[in-house]
Amino acid sequence: MIIEGADAVIRREFRGRGGSNDYTLEWTSVESIVDREGKVLAGVWGGDWTDIARGIETRQVRHKSPEVRIHRSACPVRMCMIDWYEYNSYTDPEHCSSSHRTYWLRVEAGSTPGDGD
């Protein structure tokens, strides 16, 4: 992911849909944040933005998803992400399933007007 502006906000994604006899949930979560020096950071999930390292902030506003704000000055930053999937059938439990996929997201600062001039 490339930051083109002053900062980028990464939010947990959540999607779900339900039928009369089943439901499906899909979500993405941030498992860890690693600063440019390799230090693993813990998020602070309060209502206001909280600095967890220079240029990296976290928050969670009430019932909304957790957010990580990364300023270009903090880049590069890596985040371990997990995509989750769950299907549940109320009438056919043999078809219930869940899975997850873990991957790393690297956040870098893009060029700004005037760079390289």
Protein backbone atom coordinates (compact mmCIF):
# COMPACT_ATOMS: atom_id res chain seq x y z
CA MET A 1 0.00 0.00 0.00
CA ILE A 2 1.36 3.40 -0.98
CA ILE A 3 0.51 6.56 0.99
CA GLU A 4 0.04 9.39 -1.51
CA GLY A 5 -1.22 12.01 0.98
CA ALA A 6 -0.16 12.94 4.50
CA ASP A 7 -1.40 9.68 6.04
CA ALA A 8 -3.46 6.54 5.49
CA VAL A 9 -6.09 4.95 7.72
CA ILE A 10 -6.43 1.17 7.69
CA ARG A 11 -9.77 -0.08 9.04
CA ARG A 12 -10.94 -3.53 9.93
CA GLU A 13 -13.37 -4.67 7.26
CA PHE A 14 -16.49 -6.63 8.23
CA ARG A 15 -19.19 -8.06 5.99
CA GLY A 16 -22.02 -10.39 6.80
CA ARG A 17 -25.23 -11.64 5.32
CA GLY A 18 -27.87 -13.89 6.72
CA GLY A 19 -30.51 -16.08 5.20
CA SER A 20 -33.45 -17.79 6.82
CA ASN A 21 -31.37 -20.89 7.62
CA ASP A 22 -27.77 -19.71 7.46
CA TYR A 23 -25.32 -16.83 7.65
CA THR A 24 -21.93 -15.88 6.25
CA LEU A 25 -19.38 -13.61 7.93
CA GLU A 26 -16.18 -12.23 6.43
CA TRP A 27 -13.79 -9.88 8.19
CA THR A 28 -10.23 -8.65 8.19
CA SER A 29 -8.30 -7.92 11.35
CA VAL A 30 -4.95 -6.34 12.17
CA GLU A 31 -2.96 -8.85 14.22
CA SER A 32 0.25 -6.89 14.68
CA ILE A 33 1.94 -3.67 13.66
CA VAL A 34 5.71 -3.49 13.07
CA ASP A 35 7.45 -0.11 12.80
CA ARG A 36 10.30 0.65 10.42
CA GLU A 37 12.86 -0.39 13.03
CA GLY A 38 11.29 -3.86 13.40
CA LYS A 39 9.63 -3.21 16.76
CA VAL A 40 6.26 -4.94 17.26
CA LEU A 41 3.70 -2.43 18.52
CA ALA A 42 0.52 -2.98 20.52
CA GLY A 43 -2.56 -1.01 19.50
CA VAL A 44 -4.49 1.09 22.01
CA TRP A 45 -8.17 0.77 21.17
CA GLY A 46 -9.74 3.79 22.89
CA GLY A 47 -12.07 6.38 21.42
CA ASP A 48 -9.39 8.94 20.56
CA TRP A 49 -6.32 8.57 18.37
CA THR A 50 -3.44 7.34 20.55
CA ASP A 51 0.21 7.44 19.46
CA ILE A 52 1.76 3.98 19.73
CA ALA A 53 4.94 5.09 17.95
CA ARG A 54 6.07 8.22 16.15
CA GLY A 55 3.66 8.61 13.21
CA ILE A 56 1.50 5.57 14.06
CA GLU A 57 -1.82 5.92 15.88
CA THR A 58 -4.69 3.60 16.77
CA ARG A 59 -8.28 3.99 17.95
CA GLN A 60 -11.68 2.35 18.08
CA VAL A 61 -14.74 4.57 18.24
CA ARG A 62 -17.55 2.83 20.14
CA HIS A 63 -18.99 -0.01 18.08
CA LYS A 64 -17.01 0.81 14.94
CA SER A 65 -14.03 -1.12 13.68
CA PRO A 66 -10.50 -0.58 15.00
CA GLU A 67 -8.40 1.81 12.91
CA VAL A 68 -4.66 2.34 12.40
CA ARG A 69 -3.45 5.72 11.07
CA ILE A 70 0.02 5.77 9.56
CA HIS A 71 1.72 9.04 8.67
CA ARG A 72 4.16 9.05 5.78
CA SER A 73 7.00 9.98 8.18
CA ALA A 74 6.63 6.57 9.89
CA CYS A 75 7.00 4.52 6.71
CA PRO A 76 7.72 1.81 5.96
CA VAL A 77 5.35 0.04 8.37
CA ARG A 78 4.30 -3.61 8.16
CA MET A 79 1.06 -5.03 9.47
CA CYS A 80 0.13 -8.69 9.86
CA MET A 81 -3.44 -9.04 8.59
CA ILE A 82 -5.86 -11.96 8.80
CA ASP A 83 -8.85 -12.48 6.51
CA TRP A 84 -11.51 -14.62 8.21
CA TYR A 85 -14.45 -16.46 6.65
CA GLU A 86 -17.29 -18.30 8.42
CA TYR A 87 -20.36 -20.04 7.04
CA ASN A 88 -22.96 -21.46 9.43
CA SER A 89 -26.08 -23.39 8.49
CA TYR A 90 -28.76 -23.85 11.13
CA THR A 91 -30.31 -26.80 9.27
CA ASP A 92 -27.30 -28.54 7.73
CA PRO A 93 -24.34 -28.48 10.15
CA GLU A 94 -22.27 -30.71 7.84
CA HIS A 95 -21.88 -27.74 5.50
CA CYS A 96 -20.64 -25.28 8.15
CA SER A 97 -17.09 -24.09 7.56
CA SER A 98 -14.53 -21.52 8.56
CA SER A 99 -11.14 -20.53 7.25
CA HIS A 100 -8.55 -17.79 7.49
CA ARG A 101 -5.64 -16.39 5.51
CA THR A 102 -2.69 -14.55 7.05
CA TYR A 103 -0.60 -12.05 5.08
CA TRP A 104 1.64 -9.02 5.56
CA LEU A 105 0.70 -5.54 4.35
CA ARG A 106 3.60 -3.14 3.79
CA VAL A 107 2.74 0.58 3.95
CA GLU A 108 5.16 2.90 2.16
CA ALA A 109 5.26 6.62 1.43
CA GLY A 110 4.69 7.50 -2.22
CA SER A 111 6.28 10.40 -3.99
CA THR A 112 4.89 13.87 -3.45
CA PRO A 113 4.98 16.82 -5.85
CA GLY A 114 8.48 18.20 -5.83
CA ASP A 115 10.20 14.91 -4.96
CA GLY A 116 13.15 14.36 -7.22
CA ASP A 117 12.98 17.83 -8.76
